[in-house]
Amino acid sequence: MKNIISLFVILFSATVFAQDSTSTYKKRVLEAPEVDFLASYYSQDGDNAAVSGGIGTEKLTDITPTIVVAIPVNDDDVLKIDAGISAYTSASSSNIDPFDSGNPADPFVASSGASSSDIWFGGNLNYSHSSDSRNDIISAKVSVSSEYDYFSIGFGGTYTKLFNEKNTEVSIHANAYLDTWKLLYPIELRESSTFNGLDKKNRNSYSLGFGFAQILSKSIQTSFSLDLVQQQGLLSTPFQRVYFSDLPDRFRENFQLADDVERLPDTRFKTAIGGRLNYFINEIFVVRIYYRYYFDNWGITSQTANVEIPIKITDKFTLYPSYRFYNQTAADYFYPYNIALSTSEFYTSDYDLSKFSANQYGFGVSYTDIFTKLKLMNFGLKSVDLKYDYYKRDSGLYYSLISVGIKFIGN
């Protein structure tokens, strides 16, 4: 961790850039302000809710509007502001207190309490500087996000170096996120005099990443990445129930009362190694392939494979069919519903930490007008992107995601 922090300090203190003394003109990094309007609608369902110990409805809907504004400060510097909200309703989290409605409590029925919905707020501020040669780029960012039981502040930076006539690129980035949780427990445990709560409220995450990209030919481009993440503090979710097989089951109405909450180690180290290959077949077809291998010290290993084939229909319209496969092993501390033992030190029934495989199918369409003929006030419409994704796990969870993005460029 000391090495990560040292590299982070070096990244922020780097201020020397290569100069091209023979250049009498340099193109601006960003010619005009850009505005992106982004929005998505997400809907999921399943029968393995972690809030109710591995059983129960996972129905959730979420709407997320976001705006991203990029502003050229001068020839070399760009300021980017990213702000958004996420408004969701969750049948699962509503059962933190399943007894606050007039209907009998049931893990497969949503409650109508305060925890059934929430709004997340988040924003990022990014400032980047490019050298005169445009071969060195350094950026720094700060971020903040908040919802009912959670607050986070983050900061980070990136250094990118281009050489070999800009055919080769190497980069390093570092980030830190400092999170604070409100310890919101299941209602029945709040009423228990024998329940011992979690002993931490804070979670800190530190990441360090390396990237390498190479243009091999006019048709082939590759890139590789290595990401390291260290997490410390509260890594358990306070309101996720666990039921023990060596204790008698207790019910109120149709709802089983928790034996305890999820308890996980207070440290976690993650490693991800990825690679991309983009192959330009002709003016109509491009193939984009991505693979990632992940492992951590909780016992999870996973593999992700993704392929996307953009198809250029006209000079303005492109179609984006895609497919993604994912599988992972279970964490050492995962137990299905009513299987964990009270004598264990760590346990969870969160199926995100279980063994599963998943398939995701996507289809998108993109409209691009490089001349920005359609105007809105002093901004021209550059592009419109619309995409639909369908995801399904072999454990039963599935979701649909509709996303749209609209980019405007200032005159």
Protein backbone atom coordinates (compact mmCIF):
# COMPACT_ATOMS: atom_id res chain seq x y z
CA MET A 1 0.00 0.00 0.00
CA LYS A 2 2.90 2.38 0.70
CA ASN A 3 4.12 1.75 -2.86
CA ILE A 4 0.68 2.58 -4.26
CA ILE A 5 0.54 5.84 -2.29
CA SER A 6 4.09 6.76 -3.40
CA LEU A 7 3.22 6.24 -7.04
CA PHE A 8 0.08 8.27 -6.54
CA VAL A 9 2.13 11.20 -5.22
CA ILE A 10 4.57 10.91 -8.12
CA LEU A 11 1.67 10.93 -10.56
CA PHE A 12 0.30 14.16 -9.16
CA SER A 13 3.68 15.85 -8.95
CA ALA A 14 4.64 15.17 -12.58
CA THR A 15 4.68 18.54 -14.32
CA VAL A 16 7.44 18.30 -16.92
CA PHE A 17 6.34 17.87 -20.53
CA ALA A 18 8.23 17.51 -23.78
CA GLN A 19 8.43 20.74 -25.77
CA ASP A 20 8.51 21.14 -29.55
CA SER A 21 10.53 24.32 -30.06
CA THR A 22 10.17 24.17 -33.83
CA SER A 23 6.37 24.26 -33.81
CA THR A 24 4.77 27.57 -34.74
CA TYR A 25 1.21 26.24 -34.58
CA LYS A 26 -0.48 23.64 -32.46
CA LYS A 27 -4.00 22.33 -32.71
CA ARG A 28 -6.20 22.77 -29.67
CA VAL A 29 -6.82 19.60 -27.68
CA LEU A 30 -10.54 20.36 -27.77
CA GLU A 31 -11.74 22.81 -30.40
CA ALA A 32 -15.14 23.64 -28.85
CA PRO A 33 -17.27 22.79 -25.78
CA GLU A 34 -18.98 19.40 -25.86
CA VAL A 35 -22.13 18.38 -24.01
CA ASP A 36 -23.29 14.78 -23.58
CA PHE A 37 -26.77 13.94 -22.34
CA LEU A 38 -26.90 10.34 -21.12
CA ALA A 39 -29.78 8.33 -19.69
CA SER A 40 -30.56 4.71 -18.92
CA TYR A 41 -33.44 2.59 -17.71
CA TYR A 42 -32.57 -0.63 -15.85
CA SER A 43 -34.96 -3.40 -14.75
CA GLN A 44 -34.04 -6.68 -13.04
CA ASP A 45 -35.68 -9.61 -11.26
CA GLY A 46 -34.67 -12.86 -9.57
CA ASP A 47 -35.29 -15.03 -6.50
CA ASN A 48 -32.05 -14.82 -4.49
CA ALA A 49 -32.22 -11.53 -2.59
CA ALA A 50 -29.29 -11.00 -0.23
CA VAL A 51 -31.43 -8.77 2.00
CA SER A 52 -33.55 -11.81 2.88
CA GLY A 53 -30.69 -14.29 3.20
CA GLY A 54 -30.48 -15.68 -0.33
CA ILE A 55 -34.19 -16.07 -1.07
CA GLY A 56 -36.87 -13.60 -2.10
CA THR A 57 -37.54 -11.12 -4.85
CA GLU A 58 -34.70 -9.19 -6.46
CA LYS A 59 -37.00 -6.93 -8.47
CA LEU A 60 -35.46 -3.50 -9.02
CA THR A 61 -35.88 -0.60 -11.44
CA ASP A 62 -33.50 2.32 -11.88
CA ILE A 63 -33.51 5.50 -13.98
CA THR A 64 -30.20 7.35 -14.37
CA PRO A 65 -29.94 10.70 -16.19
CA THR A 66 -26.43 12.16 -16.53
CA ILE A 67 -24.86 15.22 -18.14
CA VAL A 68 -21.18 15.51 -19.12
CA VAL A 69 -19.70 18.86 -20.15
CA ALA A 70 -16.20 19.22 -21.61
CA ILE A 71 -14.81 22.77 -21.77
CA PRO A 72 -11.55 23.81 -23.49
CA VAL A 73 -9.79 26.11 -21.02
CA ASN A 74 -7.02 26.98 -23.50
CA ASP A 75 -5.07 25.23 -26.28
CA ASP A 76 -3.71 22.59 -23.92
CA ASP A 77 -6.17 22.17 -21.05
CA VAL A 78 -9.66 20.68 -20.81
CA LEU A 79 -12.10 20.77 -17.89
CA LYS A 80 -14.74 18.04 -17.78
CA ILE A 81 -17.75 18.07 -15.45
CA ASP A 82 -19.86 14.94 -14.99
CA ALA A 83 -23.02 14.98 -12.86
CA GLY A 84 -25.91 12.56 -12.54
CA ILE A 85 -28.60 11.06 -10.36
CA SER A 86 -29.93 7.53 -10.01
CA ALA A 87 -33.50 7.01 -8.81
CA TYR A 88 -34.42 3.42 -8.02
CA THR A 89 -37.16 1.31 -6.46
CA SER A 90 -36.12 -2.03 -4.96
CA ALA A 91 -38.39 -4.81 -3.74
CA SER A 92 -35.35 -6.43 -2.14
CA SER A 93 -34.13 -3.49 -0.06
CA SER A 94 -37.72 -2.72 0.93
CA ASN A 95 -37.53 -5.86 3.06
CA ILE A 96 -34.93 -4.37 5.38
CA ASP A 97 -38.15 -3.75 7.30
CA PRO A 98 -40.76 -6.13 5.85
CA PHE A 99 -43.28 -5.39 8.63
CA ASP A 100 -44.03 -1.74 7.86
CA SER A 101 -46.99 -2.34 5.54
CA GLY A 102 -50.51 -3.59 6.07
CA ASN A 103 -49.82 -6.87 4.25
CA PRO A 104 -48.27 -10.03 5.78
CA ALA A 105 -44.47 -9.89 5.49
CA ASP A 106 -43.06 -12.18 2.80
CA PRO A 107 -39.56 -12.28 1.21
CA PHE A 108 -41.15 -12.61 -2.25
CA VAL A 109 -43.37 -9.56 -1.77
CA ALA A 110 -42.10 -5.97 -1.67
CA SER A 111 -42.75 -3.89 1.42
CA SER A 112 -43.82 -0.26 1.15
CA GLY A 113 -41.39 1.22 3.66
CA ALA A 114 -38.84 4.02 3.31
CA SER A 115 -36.09 1.65 2.15
CA SER A 116 -38.08 0.61 -0.94
CA SER A 117 -36.65 3.53 -2.95
CA ASP A 118 -33.75 5.94 -2.88
CA ILE A 119 -31.92 8.55 -4.95
CA TRP A 120 -28.18 8.52 -5.56
CA PHE A 121 -26.34 11.73 -6.44
CA GLY A 122 -22.86 11.78 -7.96
CA GLY A 123 -20.43 14.09 -9.72
CA ASN A 124 -16.89 14.16 -11.11
CA LEU A 125 -14.55 17.04 -11.91
CA ASN A 126 -11.65 16.22 -14.26
CA TYR A 127 -8.86 18.55 -15.42
CA SER A 128 -6.38 17.42 -18.10
CA HIS A 129 -3.29 19.04 -19.60
CA SER A 130 -1.49 18.05 -22.83
CA SER A 131 2.06 18.95 -23.75
CA ASP A 132 2.82 21.02 -26.86
CA SER A 133 3.81 17.85 -28.72
CA ARG A 134 0.58 16.15 -27.55
CA ASN A 135 2.70 13.18 -26.51
CA ASP A 136 2.24 13.71 -22.76
CA ILE A 137 -1.13 14.00 -21.03
CA ILE A 138 -1.71 14.38 -17.32
CA SER A 139 -5.10 14.62 -15.64
CA ALA A 140 -6.49 14.86 -12.13
CA LYS A 141 -10.02 14.33 -10.87
CA VAL A 142 -12.18 14.56 -7.78
CA SER A 143 -15.55 12.90 -7.27
CA VAL A 144 -18.36 12.80 -4.74
CA SER A 145 -21.47 10.65 -4.40
CA SER A 146 -24.19 10.25 -1.81
CA GLU A 147 -27.39 8.38 -1.01
CA TYR A 148 -29.43 7.61 2.10
CA ASP A 149 -26.96 5.29 3.83
CA TYR A 150 -23.73 6.08 1.98
CA PHE A 151 -21.32 8.92 1.22
CA SER A 152 -18.14 8.78 -0.85
CA ILE A 153 -15.40 11.14 -1.91
CA GLY A 154 -12.70 10.21 -4.38
CA PHE A 155 -9.68 11.61 -6.13
CA GLY A 156 -7.22 10.35 -8.69
CA GLY A 157 -5.00 11.04 -11.65
CA THR A 158 -3.69 9.64 -14.93
CA TYR A 159 -0.46 10.06 -16.89
CA THR A 160 -0.36 9.01 -20.55
CA LYS A 161 2.69 8.92 -22.82
CA LEU A 162 2.51 8.55 -26.61
CA PHE A 163 5.52 7.80 -28.79
CA ASN A 164 6.53 5.97 -31.96
CA GLU A 165 4.65 8.63 -33.98
CA LYS A 166 1.67 8.15 -31.63
CA ASN A 167 1.35 4.48 -32.60
CA THR A 168 2.26 3.40 -29.07
CA GLU A 169 0.64 4.53 -25.84
CA VAL A 170 1.43 3.73 -22.21
CA SER A 171 -0.50 5.01 -19.21
CA ILE A 172 -0.70 4.80 -15.45
CA HIS A 173 -3.62 5.81 -13.28
CA ALA A 174 -4.28 5.88 -9.55
CA ASN A 175 -7.48 6.49 -7.60
CA ALA A 176 -8.62 6.58 -3.99
CA TYR A 177 -12.19 6.44 -2.69
CA LEU A 178 -13.10 7.15 0.92
CA ASP A 179 -16.56 5.86 1.80
CA THR A 180 -18.71 6.17 4.91
CA TRP A 181 -21.74 3.97 5.58
CA LYS A 182 -24.71 4.41 7.84
CA LEU A 183 -25.06 1.07 9.64
CA LEU A 184 -28.63 0.20 8.68
CA TYR A 185 -29.51 -3.27 10.05
CA PRO A 186 -32.56 -5.51 9.47
CA ILE A 187 -35.41 -4.33 11.67
CA GLU A 188 -35.58 -7.46 13.85
CA LEU A 189 -31.89 -7.19 14.78
CA ARG A 190 -32.27 -3.55 15.76
CA GLU A 191 -34.84 -4.75 18.28
CA SER A 192 -32.57 -7.50 19.66
CA SER A 193 -30.52 -6.97 22.82
CA THR A 194 -28.16 -9.85 21.94
CA PHE A 195 -27.15 -8.69 18.46
CA ASN A 196 -23.58 -7.43 18.04
CA GLY A 197 -23.31 -4.98 15.16
CA LEU A 198 -20.43 -4.44 12.78
CA ASP A 199 -17.46 -2.54 14.19
CA LYS A 200 -16.60 -0.33 11.19
CA LYS A 201 -18.38 2.41 9.25
CA ASN A 202 -15.68 3.39 6.77
CA ARG A 203 -14.36 1.75 3.62
CA ASN A 204 -11.30 2.95 1.71
CA SER A 205 -10.45 1.74 -1.79
CA TYR A 206 -7.13 2.36 -3.55
CA SER A 207 -6.50 1.41 -7.16
CA LEU A 208 -3.48 1.45 -9.43
CA GLY A 209 -3.69 0.64 -13.13
CA PHE A 210 -1.36 0.31 -16.08
CA GLY A 211 -2.25 0.39 -19.78
CA PHE A 212 -0.45 -0.30 -23.06
CA ALA A 213 -1.88 0.23 -26.54
CA GLN A 214 -0.26 -0.44 -29.89
CA ILE A 215 -1.33 0.19 -33.48
CA LEU A 216 0.06 -2.81 -35.34
CA SER A 217 -1.18 -1.91 -38.80
CA LYS A 218 -3.90 0.02 -40.59
CA SER A 219 -6.27 -2.83 -39.72
CA ILE A 220 -5.23 -3.99 -36.24
CA GLN A 221 -5.00 -2.25 -32.88
CA THR A 222 -4.34 -3.96 -29.55
CA SER A 223 -4.29 -2.90 -25.91
CA PHE A 224 -3.51 -4.49 -22.56
CA SER A 225 -4.34 -3.46 -19.00
CA LEU A 226 -3.47 -4.39 -15.44
CA ASP A 227 -5.57 -3.13 -12.52
CA LEU A 228 -4.83 -3.58 -8.81
CA VAL A 229 -7.34 -2.66 -6.10
CA GLN A 230 -6.89 -2.70 -2.32
CA GLN A 231 -9.98 -2.28 -0.10
CA GLN A 232 -10.01 -1.80 3.66
CA GLY A 233 -12.73 -1.30 6.26
CA LEU A 234 -16.43 -2.12 6.09
CA LEU A 235 -16.75 -4.61 3.22
CA SER A 236 -19.94 -6.19 4.58
CA THR A 237 -23.39 -4.82 3.75
CA PRO A 238 -25.08 -4.21 7.13
CA PHE A 239 -28.66 -5.02 6.05
CA GLN A 240 -28.01 -8.34 4.28
CA ARG A 241 -29.32 -11.24 6.38
CA VAL A 242 -27.76 -14.65 6.99
CA TYR A 243 -29.57 -17.77 8.28
CA PHE A 244 -27.70 -20.55 10.13
CA SER A 245 -28.42 -24.24 9.61
CA ASP A 246 -27.45 -25.11 13.21
CA LEU A 247 -30.00 -22.75 14.79
CA PRO A 248 -33.81 -23.14 14.80
CA ASP A 249 -35.73 -21.10 12.23
CA ARG A 250 -37.79 -18.22 13.58
CA PHE A 251 -40.63 -16.55 11.70
CA ARG A 252 -42.83 -13.51 12.04
CA GLU A 253 -45.77 -13.76 9.67
CA ASN A 254 -44.29 -15.32 6.48
CA PHE A 255 -40.84 -13.82 6.96
CA GLN A 256 -37.87 -15.66 8.49
CA LEU A 257 -36.06 -13.57 11.09
CA ALA A 258 -32.35 -13.07 10.66
CA ASP A 259 -29.82 -15.04 12.68
CA ASP A 260 -27.12 -12.49 11.81
CA VAL A 261 -25.99 -10.10 9.09
CA GLU A 262 -23.37 -10.70 6.44
CA ARG A 263 -19.86 -10.69 7.89
CA LEU A 264 -16.84 -10.51 5.59
CA PRO A 265 -13.11 -9.77 6.07
CA ASP A 266 -12.16 -6.11 6.37
CA THR A 267 -9.53 -6.31 3.62
CA ARG A 268 -9.71 -7.40 -0.01
CA PHE A 269 -7.16 -7.33 -2.81
CA LYS A 270 -8.30 -7.57 -6.44
CA THR A 271 -6.32 -8.09 -9.64
CA ALA A 272 -7.64 -7.82 -13.20
CA ILE A 273 -5.71 -8.44 -16.44
CA GLY A 274 -7.35 -7.54 -19.74
CA GLY A 275 -6.68 -7.33 -23.44
CA ARG A 276 -8.44 -5.85 -26.48
CA LEU A 277 -8.13 -6.45 -30.21
CA ASN A 278 -9.81 -4.24 -32.81
CA TYR A 279 -9.72 -5.53 -36.38
CA PHE A 280 -10.82 -3.33 -39.28
CA ILE A 281 -12.13 -5.75 -41.92
CA ASN A 282 -13.32 -3.17 -44.45
CA GLU A 283 -15.31 0.07 -44.60
CA ILE A 284 -18.44 -1.75 -43.40
CA PHE A 285 -17.31 -4.25 -40.72
CA VAL A 286 -15.10 -3.92 -37.64
CA VAL A 287 -14.53 -6.64 -35.03
CA ARG A 288 -13.81 -5.66 -31.41
CA ILE A 289 -12.75 -8.44 -29.02
CA TYR A 290 -12.13 -8.10 -25.28
CA TYR A 291 -10.97 -10.60 -22.63
CA ARG A 292 -10.38 -10.14 -18.90
CA TYR A 293 -9.15 -12.47 -16.17
CA TYR A 294 -9.84 -11.53 -12.54
CA PHE A 295 -8.89 -12.95 -9.16
CA ASP A 296 -8.94 -11.79 -5.54
CA ASN A 297 -7.95 -13.05 -2.09
CA TRP A 298 -11.56 -13.98 -1.24
CA GLY A 299 -11.33 -16.98 -3.55
CA ILE A 300 -13.13 -15.54 -6.57
CA THR A 301 -11.73 -16.00 -10.06
CA SER A 302 -13.62 -14.88 -13.15
CA GLN A 303 -13.36 -14.65 -16.90
CA THR A 304 -15.04 -12.15 -19.21
CA ALA A 305 -15.16 -12.41 -22.99
CA ASN A 306 -16.86 -9.82 -25.16
CA VAL A 307 -17.25 -9.37 -28.90
CA GLU A 308 -18.81 -6.41 -30.72
CA ILE A 309 -19.18 -6.06 -34.49
CA PRO A 310 -19.99 -2.52 -35.62
CA ILE A 311 -21.68 -2.54 -39.03
CA LYS A 312 -21.58 0.75 -40.94
CA ILE A 313 -24.88 0.95 -42.85
CA THR A 314 -24.39 4.47 -44.25
CA ASP A 315 -21.97 7.31 -43.62
CA LYS A 316 -24.18 8.33 -40.67
CA PHE A 317 -25.68 5.11 -39.27
CA THR A 318 -23.85 2.22 -37.59
CA LEU A 319 -25.31 -0.90 -35.95
CA TYR A 320 -23.63 -2.48 -32.89
CA PRO A 321 -24.54 -6.12 -32.18
CA SER A 322 -22.59 -7.51 -29.20
CA TYR A 323 -22.26 -10.58 -26.98
CA ARG A 324 -20.64 -10.96 -23.55
CA PHE A 325 -19.92 -14.13 -21.57
CA TYR A 326 -18.97 -14.13 -17.89
CA ASN A 327 -18.34 -16.81 -15.30
CA GLN A 328 -16.91 -16.84 -11.80
CA THR A 329 -16.14 -19.15 -8.89
CA ALA A 330 -17.74 -18.63 -5.48
CA ALA A 331 -16.13 -16.65 -2.70
CA ASP A 332 -14.74 -18.69 0.20
CA TYR A 333 -17.39 -17.19 2.45
CA PHE A 334 -20.51 -17.75 0.34
CA TYR A 335 -23.32 -19.97 1.62
CA PRO A 336 -26.75 -20.46 0.05
CA TYR A 337 -29.89 -19.86 2.07
CA ASN A 338 -29.86 -21.53 5.54
CA ILE A 339 -26.53 -23.33 5.00
CA ALA A 340 -23.98 -21.24 6.95
CA LEU A 341 -22.92 -22.27 10.46
CA SER A 342 -22.98 -19.97 13.46
CA THR A 343 -19.46 -21.13 14.35
CA SER A 344 -17.98 -19.66 11.15
CA GLU A 345 -16.08 -16.37 11.29
CA PHE A 346 -17.22 -15.06 7.90
CA TYR A 347 -20.39 -15.74 5.88
CA THR A 348 -22.63 -14.23 3.23
CA SER A 349 -25.64 -15.33 1.17
CA ASP A 350 -25.15 -12.66 -1.48
CA TYR A 351 -25.40 -14.44 -4.84
CA ASP A 352 -23.13 -11.82 -6.42
CA LEU A 353 -20.40 -13.75 -4.57
CA SER A 354 -21.67 -17.20 -5.64
CA LYS A 355 -20.55 -19.41 -8.50
CA PHE A 356 -22.41 -18.53 -11.69
CA SER A 357 -22.22 -18.00 -15.43
CA ALA A 358 -23.96 -15.24 -17.36
CA ASN A 359 -24.71 -14.27 -20.95
CA GLN A 360 -25.41 -10.75 -22.18
CA TYR A 361 -26.78 -9.88 -25.61
CA GLY A 362 -26.75 -6.31 -26.90
CA PHE A 363 -27.82 -4.36 -29.93
CA GLY A 364 -27.21 -0.67 -30.57
CA VAL A 365 -27.55 1.92 -33.27
CA SER A 366 -25.48 5.07 -33.67
CA TYR A 367 -26.11 8.23 -35.70
CA THR A 368 -23.16 10.51 -36.43
CA ASP A 369 -23.05 13.83 -38.27
CA ILE A 370 -19.49 15.16 -38.49
CA PHE A 371 -20.81 18.44 -39.90
CA THR A 372 -23.31 18.98 -37.04
CA LYS A 373 -25.98 20.31 -39.39
CA LEU A 374 -28.81 20.11 -36.84
CA LYS A 375 -28.48 23.03 -34.40
CA LEU A 376 -29.82 23.64 -30.89
CA MET A 377 -29.06 27.22 -29.87
CA ASN A 378 -25.27 27.52 -30.33
CA PHE A 379 -24.64 23.76 -30.32
CA GLY A 380 -24.68 21.30 -33.20
CA LEU A 381 -25.81 17.69 -32.88
CA LYS A 382 -22.78 15.41 -33.31
CA SER A 383 -24.14 11.95 -32.48
CA VAL A 384 -27.00 9.91 -31.03
CA ASP A 385 -26.48 6.43 -29.59
CA LEU A 386 -29.22 4.00 -28.51
CA LYS A 387 -28.55 0.54 -27.09
CA TYR A 388 -30.45 -2.37 -25.54
CA ASP A 389 -28.82 -5.11 -23.42
CA TYR A 390 -30.32 -8.30 -22.01
CA TYR A 391 -28.45 -10.22 -19.28
CA LYS A 392 -29.21 -13.56 -17.64
CA ARG A 393 -27.39 -15.65 -15.04
CA ASP A 394 -27.76 -19.39 -14.66
CA SER A 395 -28.76 -18.68 -11.03
CA GLY A 396 -31.94 -16.97 -12.30
CA LEU A 397 -31.17 -13.25 -12.10
CA TYR A 398 -31.90 -11.34 -15.32
CA TYR A 399 -32.05 -7.71 -16.36
CA SER A 400 -32.79 -5.40 -19.27
CA LEU A 401 -30.94 -2.13 -19.86
CA ILE A 402 -31.89 0.63 -22.29
CA SER A 403 -29.35 3.44 -22.66
CA VAL A 404 -29.22 6.55 -24.80
CA GLY A 405 -26.53 9.17 -25.38
CA ILE A 406 -26.74 12.48 -27.27
CA LYS A 407 -23.65 14.61 -27.98
CA PHE A 408 -23.67 18.29 -28.90
CA ILE A 409 -20.68 20.39 -29.94
CA GLY A 410 -20.49 24.16 -29.54
CA ASN A 411 -19.86 26.43 -32.51
